[in-house]
Amino acid sequence: ELMFVANHPFGGKDRVASSRRRLMELVASPKTSPQLRHKLTTGDDDLLPEIILNLVLTGTGIQVVVASMMNLSHLRANVEAVSHCRFTGHELAWIRSNLSEDLAEADVTVGKTPA
């Protein structure tokens, strides 16, 4: 039996910053439902980890996420994020498809070398 593991789900400081920016763009988008917009504007620090960890674990076949946790409170917050996600499966799928649009392009752009 295989077990799929994801490592480094947050992608480093730059990826965290771009993910936060993209989430704020989704909040401002007319495509975002009022219910989802409300959930995305809670202002709590656990929002991004909750979204990222649940996007990795929902609908991907990945069963384990190895995230760097700097202290016990990070570990507790990550367990809480996965155990009590405020987002529905449908909302996570919508976030995944809309969050990844620009981030995928950003990865390509960052990887390009000047001609």
C-alpha atoms as a PDB file:
ATOM      1  CA  GLU A   1       0.000   0.000   0.000  1.00  0.00           C
ATOM      2  CA  LEU A   2       1.325   3.444  -0.930  1.00  0.00           C
ATOM      3  CA  MET A   3       1.220   6.545   1.236  1.00  0.00           C
ATOM      4  CA  PHE A   4       1.563   9.941  -0.434  1.00  0.00           C
ATOM      5  CA  VAL A   5       3.409  12.641   1.507  1.00  0.00           C
ATOM      6  CA  ALA A   6       3.682  16.382   0.780  1.00  0.00           C
ATOM      7  CA  ASN A   7       6.676  18.290   2.077  1.00  0.00           C
ATOM      8  CA  HIS A   8       7.118  22.044   2.434  1.00  0.00           C
ATOM      9  CA  PRO A   9       3.456  22.931   1.701  1.00  0.00           C
ATOM     10  CA  PHE A  10       3.863  26.673   2.267  1.00  0.00           C
ATOM     11  CA  GLY A  11       6.677  27.058  -0.278  1.00  0.00           C
ATOM     12  CA  GLY A  12       8.794  29.506   1.698  1.00  0.00           C
ATOM     13  CA  LYS A  13       8.430  33.147   2.628  1.00  0.00           C
ATOM     14  CA  ASP A  14       7.926  34.432  -0.931  1.00  0.00           C
ATOM     15  CA  ARG A  15       5.262  31.858  -1.724  1.00  0.00           C
ATOM     16  CA  VAL A  16       3.423  32.671   1.529  1.00  0.00           C
ATOM     17  CA  ALA A  17       3.401  36.356   0.598  1.00  0.00           C
ATOM     18  CA  SER A  18       2.134  35.653  -2.935  1.00  0.00           C
ATOM     19  CA  SER A  19      -0.544  33.294  -1.565  1.00  0.00           C
ATOM     20  CA  ARG A  20      -1.755  35.984   0.848  1.00  0.00           C
ATOM     21  CA  ARG A  21      -1.882  38.531  -2.000  1.00  0.00           C
ATOM     22  CA  ARG A  22      -3.784  36.133  -4.224  1.00  0.00           C
ATOM     23  CA  LEU A  23      -6.311  35.388  -1.460  1.00  0.00           C
ATOM     24  CA  MET A  24      -6.957  39.118  -1.082  1.00  0.00           C
ATOM     25  CA  GLU A  25      -7.495  39.326  -4.846  1.00  0.00           C
ATOM     26  CA  LEU A  26     -10.055  36.529  -4.529  1.00  0.00           C
ATOM     27  CA  VAL A  27     -11.807  38.456  -1.749  1.00  0.00           C
ATOM     28  CA  ALA A  28     -12.145  41.433  -4.090  1.00  0.00           C
ATOM     29  CA  SER A  29     -13.264  39.338  -7.070  1.00  0.00           C
ATOM     30  CA  PRO A  30     -16.924  39.467  -8.122  1.00  0.00           C
ATOM     31  CA  LYS A  31     -16.616  35.695  -8.790  1.00  0.00           C
ATOM     32  CA  THR A  32     -16.261  35.036  -5.042  1.00  0.00           C
ATOM     33  CA  SER A  33     -19.504  34.185  -3.258  1.00  0.00           C
ATOM     34  CA  PRO A  34     -20.504  36.392  -0.303  1.00  0.00           C
ATOM     35  CA  GLN A  35     -20.280  33.391   2.060  1.00  0.00           C
ATOM     36  CA  LEU A  36     -16.756  32.522   0.953  1.00  0.00           C
ATOM     37  CA  ARG A  37     -15.710  36.181   1.001  1.00  0.00           C
ATOM     38  CA  HIS A  38     -16.851  36.372   4.631  1.00  0.00           C
ATOM     39  CA  LYS A  39     -14.788  33.297   5.548  1.00  0.00           C
ATOM     40  CA  LEU A  40     -11.731  34.732   3.751  1.00  0.00           C
ATOM     41  CA  THR A  41     -11.923  38.054   5.598  1.00  0.00           C
ATOM     42  CA  THR A  42     -11.836  36.772   9.170  1.00  0.00           C
ATOM     43  CA  GLY A  43      -8.441  38.412   9.685  1.00  0.00           C
ATOM     44  CA  ASP A  44      -7.056  35.583  11.803  1.00  0.00           C
ATOM     45  CA  ASP A  45      -3.498  34.310  11.401  1.00  0.00           C
ATOM     46  CA  ASP A  46      -4.690  30.725  10.992  1.00  0.00           C
ATOM     47  CA  LEU A  47      -6.470  31.400   7.688  1.00  0.00           C
ATOM     48  CA  LEU A  48      -3.573  30.727   5.300  1.00  0.00           C
ATOM     49  CA  PRO A  49      -2.335  27.568   7.043  1.00  0.00           C
ATOM     50  CA  GLU A  50      -5.912  26.281   7.167  1.00  0.00           C
ATOM     51  CA  ILE A  51      -6.376  26.856   3.447  1.00  0.00           C
ATOM     52  CA  ILE A  52      -2.990  25.485   2.366  1.00  0.00           C
ATOM     53  CA  LEU A  53      -3.048  22.373   4.556  1.00  0.00           C
ATOM     54  CA  ASN A  54      -6.610  21.516   3.564  1.00  0.00           C
ATOM     55  CA  LEU A  55      -5.935  22.147  -0.131  1.00  0.00           C
ATOM     56  CA  VAL A  56      -3.030  19.714   0.061  1.00  0.00           C
ATOM     57  CA  LEU A  57      -5.032  17.039   1.900  1.00  0.00           C
ATOM     58  CA  THR A  58      -8.401  17.357   0.108  1.00  0.00           C
ATOM     59  CA  GLY A  59      -8.949  15.712  -3.247  1.00  0.00           C
ATOM     60  CA  THR A  60      -5.270  15.118  -3.991  1.00  0.00           C
ATOM     61  CA  GLY A  61      -4.616  11.603  -2.691  1.00  0.00           C
ATOM     62  CA  ILE A  62      -2.013  13.037  -0.328  1.00  0.00           C
ATOM     63  CA  GLN A  63      -2.425  11.617   3.161  1.00  0.00           C
ATOM     64  CA  VAL A  64       0.439  13.241   5.068  1.00  0.00           C
ATOM     65  CA  VAL A  65       1.785  16.789   5.088  1.00  0.00           C
ATOM     66  CA  VAL A  66       5.212  17.481   6.558  1.00  0.00           C
ATOM     67  CA  ALA A  67       5.187  21.128   7.603  1.00  0.00           C
ATOM     68  CA  SER A  68       7.938  22.894   9.481  1.00  0.00           C
ATOM     69  CA  MET A  69       6.620  23.971  12.855  1.00  0.00           C
ATOM     70  CA  MET A  70       8.695  26.434  14.804  1.00  0.00           C
ATOM     71  CA  ASN A  71       6.965  25.898  18.132  1.00  0.00           C
ATOM     72  CA  LEU A  72       4.200  23.994  19.871  1.00  0.00           C
ATOM     73  CA  SER A  73       1.572  26.643  19.070  1.00  0.00           C
ATOM     74  CA  HIS A  74       2.246  26.164  15.312  1.00  0.00           C
ATOM     75  CA  LEU A  75       1.736  22.426  15.700  1.00  0.00           C
ATOM     76  CA  ARG A  76      -1.529  22.948  17.585  1.00  0.00           C
ATOM     77  CA  ALA A  77      -2.752  25.493  15.016  1.00  0.00           C
ATOM     78  CA  ASN A  78      -1.983  23.099  12.140  1.00  0.00           C
ATOM     79  CA  VAL A  79      -3.814  20.222  13.824  1.00  0.00           C
ATOM     80  CA  GLU A  80      -6.785  22.519  14.484  1.00  0.00           C
ATOM     81  CA  ALA A  81      -6.748  23.739  10.861  1.00  0.00           C
ATOM     82  CA  VAL A  82      -7.032  20.207   9.523  1.00  0.00           C
ATOM     83  CA  SER A  83      -9.401  18.919  12.204  1.00  0.00           C
ATOM     84  CA  HIS A  84     -11.913  21.787  12.060  1.00  0.00           C
ATOM     85  CA  CYS A  85     -11.747  23.353   8.613  1.00  0.00           C
ATOM     86  CA  ARG A  86     -14.221  26.214   8.134  1.00  0.00           C
ATOM     87  CA  PHE A  87     -14.340  25.614   4.369  1.00  0.00           C
ATOM     88  CA  THR A  88     -16.528  23.099   2.560  1.00  0.00           C
ATOM     89  CA  GLY A  89     -15.077  20.716  -0.007  1.00  0.00           C
ATOM     90  CA  HIS A  90     -16.731  22.768  -2.745  1.00  0.00           C
ATOM     91  CA  GLU A  91     -15.181  25.999  -1.408  1.00  0.00           C
ATOM     92  CA  LEU A  92     -11.739  24.373  -1.209  1.00  0.00           C
ATOM     93  CA  ALA A  93     -12.059  23.167  -4.807  1.00  0.00           C
ATOM     94  CA  TRP A  94     -13.042  26.680  -5.926  1.00  0.00           C
ATOM     95  CA  ILE A  95     -10.152  28.251  -3.984  1.00  0.00           C
ATOM     96  CA  ARG A  96      -7.727  25.681  -5.454  1.00  0.00           C
ATOM     97  CA  SER A  97      -8.762  26.400  -9.004  1.00  0.00           C
ATOM     98  CA  ASN A  98      -8.711  30.178  -8.556  1.00  0.00           C
ATOM     99  CA  LEU A  99      -5.671  30.411  -6.284  1.00  0.00           C
ATOM    100  CA  SER A 100      -3.531  28.277  -8.539  1.00  0.00           C
ATOM    101  CA  GLU A 101      -4.271  30.256 -11.721  1.00  0.00           C
ATOM    102  CA  ASP A 102      -1.940  33.141 -10.946  1.00  0.00           C
ATOM    103  CA  LEU A 103       0.460  31.211  -8.729  1.00  0.00           C
ATOM    104  CA  ALA A 104       1.191  28.737 -11.519  1.00  0.00           C
ATOM    105  CA  GLU A 105       1.999  31.656 -13.811  1.00  0.00           C
ATOM    106  CA  ALA A 106       4.171  33.196 -11.088  1.00  0.00           C
ATOM    107  CA  ASP A 107       6.195  29.970 -10.838  1.00  0.00           C
ATOM    108  CA  VAL A 108       6.868  30.045 -14.578  1.00  0.00           C
ATOM    109  CA  THR A 109       7.797  33.730 -14.488  1.00  0.00           C
ATOM    110  CA  VAL A 110      10.150  33.345 -11.532  1.00  0.00           C
ATOM    111  CA  GLY A 111      11.882  30.402 -13.238  1.00  0.00           C
ATOM    112  CA  LYS A 112      12.615  32.302 -16.472  1.00  0.00           C
ATOM    113  CA  THR A 113      16.075  33.616 -17.131  1.00  0.00           C
ATOM    114  CA  PRO A 114      16.576  36.856 -19.037  1.00  0.00           C
ATOM    115  CA  ALA A 115      17.270  36.402 -22.755  1.00  0.00           C
END
